[in-house]
């Protein structure tokens, strides 16, 4: 898994260069955290479009006993407000 926190200066590079490179390499999940939009884009190798996560992010890698479950509104409020 790869997580990028996007900024205005890196957003295009994250989406146009890094994202397809990670997908081609078979990275199982690539998340772009967009602080301005307060969302997470979740990309997988087969995706032509991302899952846009606004409210909740749930992730459970194989073998993990419990998922990571995050309230995104609370996360962004805590980080940005």
Protein backbone atom coordinates (compact mmCIF):
# COMPACT_ATOMS: atom_id res chain seq x y z
CA UNK A 1 0.00 0.00 0.00
CA UNK A 2 1.10 3.53 -0.78
CA UNK A 3 -0.40 6.70 0.68
CA UNK A 4 0.27 10.14 -0.78
CA UNK A 5 -0.84 13.40 0.80
CA UNK A 6 -1.47 15.60 -2.19
CA UNK A 7 -0.69 19.29 -2.36
CA UNK A 8 -1.40 21.78 -5.14
CA UNK A 9 2.20 21.43 -6.33
CA UNK A 10 2.15 17.59 -6.41
CA UNK A 11 -1.47 16.71 -7.28
CA UNK A 12 -0.94 16.33 -11.02
CA UNK A 13 2.25 14.30 -10.58
CA UNK A 14 0.56 12.04 -8.01
CA UNK A 15 -2.36 11.30 -10.32
CA UNK A 16 -0.71 11.30 -13.76
CA UNK A 17 2.72 9.78 -13.09
CA UNK A 18 2.76 7.95 -9.78
CA UNK A 19 -0.72 6.43 -9.87
CA UNK A 20 -0.31 4.50 -13.14
CA UNK A 21 3.21 3.46 -12.14
CA UNK A 22 1.93 2.00 -8.88
CA UNK A 23 -0.99 0.31 -10.65
CA UNK A 24 1.35 -1.20 -13.25
CA UNK A 25 3.63 -2.44 -10.46
CA UNK A 26 0.65 -4.20 -8.83
CA UNK A 27 0.50 -2.08 -5.67
CA UNK A 28 -2.70 -3.36 -4.06
CA UNK A 29 -3.91 0.04 -2.88
CA UNK A 30 -2.79 3.58 -3.62
CA UNK A 31 -4.48 6.31 -1.63
CA UNK A 32 -4.32 9.98 -2.48
CA UNK A 33 -5.31 12.09 0.51
CA UNK A 34 -6.67 15.39 -0.77
CA UNK A 35 -6.62 17.83 2.14
CA UNK A 36 -8.31 20.64 0.21
CA UNK A 37 -11.26 18.47 -0.86
CA UNK A 38 -11.23 16.49 2.42
CA UNK A 39 -11.39 13.13 0.69
CA UNK A 40 -9.35 10.06 -0.08
CA UNK A 41 -9.05 8.57 -3.56
CA UNK A 42 -8.52 4.81 -3.33
CA UNK A 43 -6.96 3.21 -6.41
CA UNK A 44 -6.39 -0.48 -7.05
CA UNK A 45 -4.44 -2.05 -9.94
CA UNK A 46 -7.55 -2.78 -12.02
CA UNK A 47 -9.28 0.57 -11.46
CA UNK A 48 -9.94 3.00 -14.28
CA UNK A 49 -11.48 5.38 -11.74
CA UNK A 50 -10.89 5.64 -8.00
CA UNK A 51 -13.23 5.02 -5.13
CA UNK A 52 -13.88 8.50 -3.71
CA UNK A 53 -14.12 8.21 0.06
CA UNK A 54 -15.74 11.15 1.81
CA UNK A 55 -17.19 9.78 5.02
CA UNK A 56 -15.51 6.53 6.00
CA UNK A 57 -12.38 4.63 5.07
CA UNK A 58 -12.27 0.93 5.87
CA UNK A 59 -9.25 -1.20 5.00
CA UNK A 60 -8.44 -4.73 6.05
CA UNK A 61 -5.36 -6.30 4.54
CA UNK A 62 -5.27 -10.05 4.19
CA UNK A 63 -4.54 -11.72 7.51
CA UNK A 64 -5.37 -8.68 9.65
CA UNK A 65 -7.69 -9.62 12.52
CA UNK A 66 -9.55 -6.29 12.40
CA UNK A 67 -9.96 -3.56 9.79
CA UNK A 68 -8.65 -0.04 10.00
CA UNK A 69 -11.85 1.98 10.12
CA UNK A 70 -11.59 5.78 10.00
CA UNK A 71 -14.21 8.49 10.18
CA UNK A 72 -12.81 10.80 7.51
CA UNK A 73 -14.81 13.87 8.52
CA UNK A 74 -13.45 13.58 12.08
CA UNK A 75 -9.93 12.93 10.76
CA UNK A 76 -9.91 15.98 8.49
CA UNK A 77 -11.49 18.16 11.18
CA UNK A 78 -8.79 17.12 13.64
CA UNK A 79 -6.00 17.75 11.17
CA UNK A 80 -7.25 20.92 9.49
CA UNK A 81 -9.55 22.74 11.88
